[in-house]
Protein backbone atom coordinates (compact mmCIF):
# COMPACT_ATOMS: atom_id res chain seq x y z
CA MET A 1 76.03 76.38 91.64
CA ALA A 2 76.79 76.64 95.06
CA ASN A 3 78.54 80.34 95.88
CA LYS A 4 82.13 80.03 97.24
CA LYS A 5 83.86 82.37 99.53
CA HIS A 6 86.91 83.90 98.33
CA ILE A 7 89.38 84.27 100.93
CA PRO A 8 92.10 86.73 99.95
CA LEU A 9 95.75 86.18 100.01
CA GLU A 10 96.50 88.34 102.92
CA ASP A 11 94.32 86.74 105.28
CA LEU A 12 95.89 82.93 104.48
CA GLU A 13 97.79 82.39 107.62
CA ILE A 14 100.47 80.29 105.36
CA TYR A 15 101.39 83.01 103.18
CA ARG A 16 101.70 86.07 106.32
CA LEU A 17 104.48 82.65 107.19
CA GLY A 18 106.16 82.66 104.65
CA ARG A 19 106.20 86.37 104.51
CA LYS A 20 107.69 86.24 107.94
CA LEU A 21 110.16 83.47 106.66
CA SER A 22 111.35 85.40 103.98
CA LYS A 23 111.70 88.43 106.38
CA LEU A 24 114.00 86.46 108.98
CA GLY A 25 115.98 84.87 105.88
CA TRP A 26 116.79 87.81 104.83
CA GLU A 27 117.86 88.90 108.63
CA ILE A 28 120.52 85.71 108.31
CA TYR A 29 121.66 86.76 104.81
CA SER A 30 122.28 90.06 105.77
CA GLU A 31 124.99 89.54 108.11
CA LEU A 32 126.68 87.07 105.95
CA SER A 33 130.39 87.71 103.88
CA TRP A 34 130.13 88.65 100.57
CA GLN A 35 131.78 85.47 100.01
CA ASP A 36 129.49 83.24 102.27
CA LYS A 37 126.73 84.81 100.48
CA LYS A 38 127.87 83.69 96.86
CA ILE A 39 128.68 80.34 98.10
CA MET A 40 125.61 79.44 100.46
CA GLY A 41 123.39 82.60 101.13
CA ASP A 42 121.98 82.83 97.50
CA GLN A 43 121.23 79.32 97.60
CA PHE A 44 119.33 79.53 101.04
CA ILE A 45 117.48 82.86 100.30
CA THR A 46 116.29 81.59 96.86
CA ALA A 47 114.78 78.60 98.43
CA THR A 48 113.48 80.73 101.99
CA ASP A 49 111.75 82.80 99.16
CA SER A 50 110.63 80.10 96.66
CA PHE A 51 108.19 78.70 100.17
CA GLY A 52 105.89 81.51 99.90
CA ALA A 53 106.09 82.51 95.90
CA ASN A 54 105.21 79.10 95.35
CA ILE A 55 102.21 79.66 97.69
CA VAL A 56 101.06 82.73 95.66
CA GLU A 57 101.07 80.67 92.94
CA GLY A 58 99.55 78.26 93.57
CA TYR A 59 96.64 79.64 95.13
CA ARG A 60 96.32 82.04 91.68
CA ARG A 61 95.60 78.76 90.03
CA TYR A 62 91.95 77.23 89.41
CA HIS A 63 92.65 73.77 89.02
CA TYR A 64 93.25 72.12 91.82
CA LEU A 65 96.04 69.75 91.17
CA ASP A 66 97.69 72.33 89.58
CA LYS A 67 97.53 74.61 92.90
CA ILE A 68 98.53 71.23 94.94
CA LYS A 69 101.86 70.87 92.33
CA PHE A 70 102.95 74.65 93.45
CA PHE A 71 102.58 73.38 97.41
CA TYR A 72 104.69 70.50 97.03
CA ASN A 73 107.06 72.60 95.32
CA SER A 74 107.14 75.01 97.96
CA ARG A 75 107.24 71.83 100.46
CA ALA A 76 110.37 71.10 98.72
CA SER A 77 111.83 74.97 98.94
CA LEU A 78 111.54 74.96 102.77
CA ALA A 79 112.87 71.42 102.86
CA GLU A 80 115.63 72.71 100.61
CA ALA A 81 116.39 76.05 103.08
CA ASN A 82 115.62 74.53 106.39
CA ASP A 83 117.46 70.76 106.39
CA TYR A 84 119.95 71.83 103.74
CA TRP A 85 120.75 75.53 103.62
CA LEU A 86 120.57 76.81 107.44
CA GLU A 87 121.93 73.19 108.36
CA LEU A 88 125.71 73.93 106.60
CA LEU A 89 125.54 77.75 107.37
CA LYS A 90 124.84 76.62 110.90
CA GLU A 91 127.45 73.69 110.35
CA ARG A 92 129.79 76.08 109.17
CA GLU A 93 129.29 78.92 112.05
CA LYS A 94 127.76 81.37 109.60
CA ILE A 95 124.95 81.96 111.61
CA LYS A 96 123.86 82.81 115.42
CA GLU A 97 122.37 80.49 117.70
CA ASP A 98 118.88 82.58 118.01
CA SER A 99 118.79 83.11 114.10
CA TYR A 100 119.00 79.38 113.77
CA LYS A 101 116.70 78.89 116.74
CA LYS A 102 114.39 81.01 115.27
CA PHE A 103 113.93 79.74 111.37
CA LYS A 104 113.89 76.14 112.60
CA GLY A 105 111.25 77.11 114.71
CA LEU A 106 109.18 79.19 112.13
CA SER A 107 109.91 76.62 109.20
CA GLU A 108 108.57 73.66 110.98
CA GLN A 109 105.72 75.91 111.79
CA SER A 110 104.90 76.80 108.51
CA SER A 111 105.78 73.31 107.19
CA LYS A 112 102.96 72.07 109.39
CA LYS A 113 100.22 74.97 107.94
CA LEU A 114 101.43 73.99 104.80
CA GLN A 115 100.16 70.28 105.30
CA ASN A 116 97.03 70.86 106.52
CA PHE A 117 96.58 73.75 103.23
CA ILE A 118 97.08 71.17 100.62
CA ASN A 119 94.90 68.64 102.63
CA SER A 120 92.45 70.70 103.23
CA ILE A 121 92.92 71.42 99.27
CA TYR A 122 92.06 67.83 98.27
CA LYS A 123 89.29 67.98 100.49
CA ALA A 124 87.64 70.42 98.77
CA LYS A 125 88.47 68.51 95.41
CA ASN A 126 87.17 65.85 96.98
CA SER A 127 83.82 66.95 98.08
CA ILE A 128 82.70 68.76 94.49
CA SER A 129 83.85 64.32 92.64
């Protein structure tokens, strides 16, 4: 049996991007009024944090398809945070333009890295089949 190299979670770029996204999401959330937090902010920060949380949960799974299911959940959470809640915050003028652009850029980078990560899991699965 080949000796597989284990990569610590903290060394995964996609994990570090998730943490950065959560930090930036929290900065945006923290500037909202109580009412805006209740209406939009709670959903925004939950979806943002869910991106990274699903990365961790999937990474700790042992079966390839189980891992991928969580990475797909992560991708969906990122889309919810970025494509819906962030856009709604901007539309309602509840977010600063620079914060919006930073989140958009980091979200786009995270999305690409996540897709590459998913592809690598499929590749690893297919190499042992």
